[in-house]
Amino acid sequence: MEMQDQKGFSLVELLISVTVLMLALSGLATLLIQNARINKSQRMTAQVQADARNTLSMVVQKLRSAGWDPTNAGIATVNLDPDTSDLVSEIEVFADLNEDGDTDDADEQILIRHLGPTRQVVWRPTSDNTDPFIILSGDISNDADGDGTIEPMFVPDATPPTRITVQITAQSPAPDPTSGQFIRYTVSSDVVLRKAL
C-alpha cells in the first residue's frame, strides 16, 4: 500500500496565521475604540454648545423685555445682584407685558440666578417669593478658563445700567474621552436696556 502525501498546514504555519489575524483584529479594535471616543467627544461638544446657546437665548429674551412700561407707570427695568461677592449671580427683570400698569402677573417680574456651586441657571417667573425656582439649564459653570473662579453672568456697564453683558459658559459633566479635559463653551451677548417710552 502506498502512502499518499497529505497536504495541509503545519503547526508553525497555523501559529503564524493566528498571530497575524490577532494583530489585525487588535488594530481594528483599537480603531473602533478610538472612533467611539471621538464620536462621544463630538456629541459632548455639541451638547455643551447647545446648552450655552439655549440658556443665553432664554436669558437675553427676558432681558430685552426689561422696562416695558406702555402705561408710563414708572416700572423699574432691572434690579442688579445685591451681593456680587457670593457664588450666586442674579438679576431681576421687570416688564409690564399685559399693559395693566404693574408687574404682578406671571412672567412680568423674573428673578434669574446662576447658582455657582450647583452649576445651574434657574428663574422664578413671578413676584411671589414662595414660588419655586424653575431650572433652565444645568452644567453652566461660568468658569471660562477652567481656573476654578466663577465669572459673573451679568455685567452691567454702569449703575443704573443702560447695557448688560450676559456671559454663559457651559461645561461638560464629564471629561472629554479624547483629551481628558472638560469641554467648555462660552457665549455672550450685550443687551441694551429699554429707555422710557
Foldseek 3Di string as FASTA:
>chain_A
DDDDDDDDDDPVRVVVVVVVVVVVVVVVVVVVVVVVLVVVLVVLQVVQVCQQVQVQVVVLVLLQQFPAAPPPLPWHRKDADPDPPDQKGKMWGAHPVVNPSGQQDFQGIKIWIQRQVFQWIWMDRGPDPVDDIHTPGHQFNCPQVPPNDRDHQWDAPDVVGQKIKGKTKGWGPAARSVPRHIDIDMDIDIHGGDDHD
